[in-house]
Amino acid sequence: MKVQNTIDEALAGIEDGATLMVGGFGLVGIPEQLIVGLRRKGVRDLTVISNNCGVDDFGLGILLKNRQIRKMISSYVGENKEFERQFLAGELEVELVPQGTLAERIRAGGAGIPAFYTPAGVGTPVAEGKEVRRFGDKEYLLEEALVADFALIKAWKGDVAGNLVYNKTSRNFNPMMAAAARVSVAEVEELLPAGALDPNGLHTPGVYVQRIIACTNYEKRIERRTVRAA
């Protein structure tokens, strides 16, 4: 049965040292209730693959503040002061990846492709220790695919079979992460019976989702508020 009744059930099996993919871009499309559940669960030494690490008091930032994350594989980390502090103090291992490369490494993992060549990062610190090969008149960098023990993703609507639909830009990294983990756990705002979703409009087929849970009480956060001067 894919439908989970509690957050603790949905997170069962996640232990210390696990590798997690966590969906979202900024604070959009993050599995915020599953993240809160991870904080309560208290697992540590996590390797987290996510575009960014939330903000200091919301999203993945609460796991970072609670010292549950050992390593981040990310594209952008500029909104989190605690992230900066831990990194500069040598308390957090960080692998920075160009955003398009991060997306493709995850997609490749879900497709069973072990590695690929990309021009992104050639001639920069990103290329250190990696194979560079010339194709035609251009150099390309070999990047390995990413896979995870668990993927925690967020969808707008889902059905009991695990089929998912995302809302606008919350689609971001969620679909590719669902395909690239051994166990994918989806939290949804609305859980529907089988057959209620248009099969032509699905974003993630249920075959990629092992667990699904309906959640409520979502908080609509703004990462950085800017106002026009009077």
Protein backbone atom coordinates (compact mmCIF):
# COMPACT_ATOMS: atom_id res chain seq x y z
CA MET A 1 0.00 0.00 0.00
CA LYS A 2 1.56 3.30 -1.10
CA VAL A 3 -0.61 5.61 1.00
CA GLN A 4 0.97 6.47 4.36
CA ASN A 5 -1.05 7.64 7.33
CA THR A 6 1.69 9.47 9.24
CA ILE A 7 4.91 11.31 8.47
CA ASP A 8 6.82 8.78 10.58
CA GLU A 9 5.51 5.95 8.40
CA ALA A 10 6.44 7.86 5.25
CA LEU A 11 10.02 8.32 6.51
CA ALA A 12 10.51 4.77 7.76
CA GLY A 13 13.88 3.30 6.85
CA ILE A 14 15.78 6.59 6.65
CA GLU A 15 18.76 6.06 8.93
CA ASP A 16 21.95 7.86 9.90
CA GLY A 17 24.27 8.26 6.92
CA ALA A 18 21.53 8.05 4.28
CA THR A 19 21.73 9.88 0.96
CA LEU A 20 18.61 11.93 0.23
CA MET A 21 17.36 13.89 -2.75
CA VAL A 22 15.07 16.72 -1.69
CA GLY A 23 12.94 18.54 -4.24
CA GLY A 24 12.41 22.26 -4.55
CA PHE A 25 13.93 25.42 -5.95
CA GLY A 26 14.46 28.06 -3.32
CA LEU A 27 11.42 27.51 -1.12
CA VAL A 28 9.14 26.55 -4.01
CA GLY A 29 8.06 22.93 -4.20
CA ILE A 30 9.92 21.78 -1.10
CA PRO A 31 8.53 18.82 0.89
CA GLU A 32 8.27 20.96 4.00
CA GLN A 33 6.28 18.52 6.15
CA LEU A 34 8.65 15.64 5.40
CA ILE A 35 11.59 17.90 6.28
CA VAL A 36 9.97 18.75 9.63
CA GLY A 37 9.49 15.01 10.14
CA LEU A 38 13.19 14.40 9.51
CA ARG A 39 14.09 16.96 12.15
CA ARG A 40 11.83 15.20 14.62
CA LYS A 41 13.23 11.80 13.61
CA GLY A 42 16.73 13.06 14.42
CA VAL A 43 18.72 11.11 11.81
CA ARG A 44 22.22 12.48 11.27
CA ASP A 45 25.23 12.41 8.95
CA LEU A 46 22.93 12.87 5.96
CA THR A 47 24.14 13.56 2.45
CA VAL A 48 21.52 15.80 0.85
CA ILE A 49 21.24 16.43 -2.88
CA SER A 50 19.15 19.54 -3.45
CA ASN A 51 19.35 22.71 -5.52
CA ASN A 52 19.81 24.75 -2.35
CA CYS A 53 19.52 24.45 1.42
CA GLY A 54 16.47 26.52 2.26
CA VAL A 55 16.86 29.49 4.59
CA ASP A 56 18.05 29.61 8.18
CA ASP A 57 14.70 28.83 9.78
CA PHE A 58 12.77 27.03 7.06
CA GLY A 59 13.12 24.12 4.66
CA LEU A 60 16.40 22.22 4.74
CA GLY A 61 17.84 25.04 6.83
CA ILE A 62 16.23 23.54 9.95
CA LEU A 63 18.10 20.26 9.41
CA LEU A 64 21.33 22.15 8.89
CA LYS A 65 20.78 24.15 12.07
CA ASN A 66 20.12 20.90 13.94
CA ARG A 67 23.44 19.49 12.66
CA GLN A 68 21.78 16.61 10.81
CA ILE A 69 23.43 17.24 7.42
CA ARG A 70 27.03 16.14 6.85
CA LYS A 71 27.30 16.93 3.13
CA MET A 72 25.38 19.05 0.64
CA ILE A 73 25.46 18.53 -3.14
CA SER A 74 23.92 21.76 -4.40
CA SER A 75 23.86 24.47 -7.01
CA TYR A 76 23.09 27.60 -4.99
CA VAL A 77 23.50 28.21 -1.27
CA GLY A 78 23.48 31.97 -0.89
CA GLU A 79 20.36 32.46 1.26
CA ASN A 80 21.56 30.63 4.36
CA LYS A 81 23.95 32.25 6.86
CA GLU A 82 24.24 29.07 8.93
CA PHE A 83 25.30 27.21 5.80
CA GLU A 84 28.06 29.75 5.25
CA ARG A 85 29.18 29.54 8.87
CA GLN A 86 29.34 25.74 8.94
CA PHE A 87 31.14 25.57 5.61
CA LEU A 88 33.79 28.13 6.54
CA ALA A 89 34.29 26.40 9.90
CA GLY A 90 34.89 23.06 8.19
CA GLU A 91 31.77 21.55 9.76
CA LEU A 92 29.92 20.94 6.49
CA GLU A 93 31.16 19.24 3.33
CA VAL A 94 29.91 20.95 0.17
CA GLU A 95 29.98 19.89 -3.47
CA LEU A 96 28.90 22.81 -5.66
CA VAL A 97 27.54 21.80 -9.07
CA PRO A 98 26.43 24.04 -11.97
CA GLN A 99 22.64 24.07 -11.92
CA GLY A 100 22.13 22.50 -15.34
CA THR A 101 24.73 19.86 -14.58
CA LEU A 102 23.01 19.07 -11.27
CA ALA A 103 19.69 18.60 -13.05
CA GLU A 104 21.26 16.35 -15.69
CA ARG A 105 23.19 14.28 -13.14
CA ILE A 106 19.91 13.55 -11.38
CA ARG A 107 18.04 12.87 -14.62
CA ALA A 108 20.81 10.55 -15.76
CA GLY A 109 20.62 8.66 -12.48
CA GLY A 110 16.92 8.07 -12.99
CA ALA A 111 17.50 6.95 -16.59
CA GLY A 112 20.23 4.48 -15.69
CA ILE A 113 22.94 6.47 -17.49
CA PRO A 114 26.14 6.28 -15.39
CA ALA A 115 27.86 9.41 -16.73
CA PHE A 116 27.80 12.02 -19.49
CA TYR A 117 29.96 14.76 -21.02
CA THR A 118 29.11 18.45 -20.69
CA PRO A 119 30.93 21.68 -21.58
CA ALA A 120 29.81 23.29 -18.31
CA GLY A 121 32.68 23.70 -15.88
CA VAL A 122 35.58 23.08 -18.26
CA GLY A 123 38.57 25.20 -17.23
CA THR A 124 37.13 26.00 -13.80
CA PRO A 125 37.57 24.49 -10.32
CA VAL A 126 34.53 22.32 -11.09
CA ALA A 127 36.75 20.30 -13.46
CA GLU A 128 39.41 19.44 -10.86
CA GLY A 129 40.01 15.68 -10.74
CA LYS A 130 37.58 14.95 -13.57
CA GLU A 131 38.17 13.63 -17.07
CA VAL A 132 38.15 16.20 -19.87
CA ARG A 133 37.71 14.99 -23.45
CA ARG A 134 37.60 16.82 -26.76
CA PHE A 135 34.74 16.27 -29.19
CA GLY A 136 35.16 18.19 -32.43
CA ASP A 137 36.65 21.55 -31.54
CA LYS A 138 35.34 21.71 -27.98
CA GLU A 139 36.32 20.24 -24.61
CA TYR A 140 33.80 18.46 -22.41
CA LEU A 141 33.82 17.39 -18.78
CA LEU A 142 32.78 13.92 -17.64
CA GLU A 143 30.14 14.09 -14.90
CA GLU A 144 28.77 11.07 -13.04
CA ALA A 145 25.07 10.47 -12.45
CA LEU A 146 23.49 10.95 -9.03
CA VAL A 147 21.26 8.45 -7.26
CA ALA A 148 19.95 8.37 -3.69
CA ASP A 149 18.57 6.06 -1.05
CA PHE A 150 15.43 8.20 -0.70
CA ALA A 151 13.85 11.09 -2.60
CA LEU A 152 11.55 13.45 -0.71
CA ILE A 153 9.34 15.31 -3.15
CA LYS A 154 6.33 17.63 -3.09
CA ALA A 155 3.37 17.61 -5.47
CA TRP A 156 0.13 19.54 -5.76
CA LYS A 157 -2.10 16.54 -6.44
CA GLY A 158 -1.55 12.81 -6.31
CA ASP A 159 -3.63 9.65 -6.36
CA VAL A 160 -3.45 6.47 -4.32
CA ALA A 161 -1.39 4.82 -7.09
CA GLY A 162 1.35 7.46 -6.68
CA ASN A 163 0.69 9.43 -9.88
CA LEU A 164 1.60 13.09 -9.37
CA VAL A 165 0.84 16.55 -10.76
CA TYR A 166 2.89 19.59 -9.74
CA ASN A 167 1.72 23.19 -9.55
CA LYS A 168 3.51 25.55 -11.95
CA THR A 169 7.18 26.15 -11.00
CA SER A 170 7.01 23.75 -8.06
CA ARG A 171 7.61 21.10 -10.70
CA ASN A 172 11.35 22.08 -10.78
CA PHE A 173 13.60 19.23 -9.53
CA ASN A 174 10.81 17.03 -8.16
CA PRO A 175 10.02 14.80 -11.19
CA MET A 176 13.63 13.87 -11.94
CA MET A 177 14.37 13.16 -8.29
CA ALA A 178 11.37 10.84 -8.06
CA ALA A 179 12.99 8.65 -10.71
CA ALA A 180 16.52 8.68 -9.25
CA ALA A 181 16.05 7.16 -5.80
CA ARG A 182 15.56 3.68 -4.43
CA VAL A 183 12.50 4.88 -2.46
CA SER A 184 10.57 8.01 -3.44
CA VAL A 185 8.27 9.59 -0.88
CA ALA A 186 5.77 12.19 -2.11
CA GLU A 187 3.85 14.61 0.06
CA VAL A 188 0.81 16.08 -1.68
CA GLU A 189 -1.69 18.82 -0.95
CA GLU A 190 -4.58 16.76 -2.31
CA LEU A 191 -4.79 12.97 -2.40
CA LEU A 192 -7.31 11.57 -4.89
CA PRO A 193 -8.69 8.12 -5.70
CA ALA A 194 -7.30 6.10 -8.59
CA GLY A 195 -8.54 7.37 -11.95
CA ALA A 196 -9.26 10.92 -10.74
CA LEU A 197 -6.24 12.42 -12.51
CA ASP A 198 -6.12 12.84 -16.28
CA PRO A 199 -3.48 10.33 -17.44
CA ASN A 200 -2.46 12.73 -20.22
CA GLY A 201 -1.66 15.42 -17.65
CA LEU A 202 0.52 13.42 -15.26
CA HIS A 203 3.99 14.77 -14.49
CA THR A 204 5.30 11.77 -12.51
CA PRO A 205 3.88 8.29 -13.15
CA GLY A 206 3.13 6.24 -10.05
CA VAL A 207 5.76 3.65 -10.96
CA TYR A 208 8.38 6.08 -9.63
CA VAL A 209 6.65 6.68 -6.29
CA GLN A 210 6.76 4.12 -3.49
CA ARG A 211 5.04 6.15 -0.75
CA ILE A 212 2.57 9.03 -0.76
CA ILE A 213 1.07 11.08 2.05
CA ALA A 214 -1.45 13.94 2.14
CA CYS A 215 -0.30 16.96 4.16
CA THR A 216 -1.81 20.27 5.26
CA ASN A 217 -0.86 23.55 6.96
CA TYR A 218 1.54 24.75 4.30
CA GLU A 219 3.35 28.03 4.87
CA LYS A 220 3.81 30.32 1.88
CA ARG A 221 7.25 31.78 2.55
CA ILE A 222 8.99 34.58 0.66
CA GLU A 223 12.76 34.10 0.47
CA ARG A 224 13.71 37.73 0.12
CA ARG A 225 11.22 40.59 0.32
CA THR A 226 12.06 43.73 -1.61
CA VAL A 227 9.98 46.90 -1.66
CA ARG A 228 10.16 50.05 -3.75
CA ALA A 229 11.51 53.11 -1.98
CA ALA A 230 8.84 55.73 -1.30
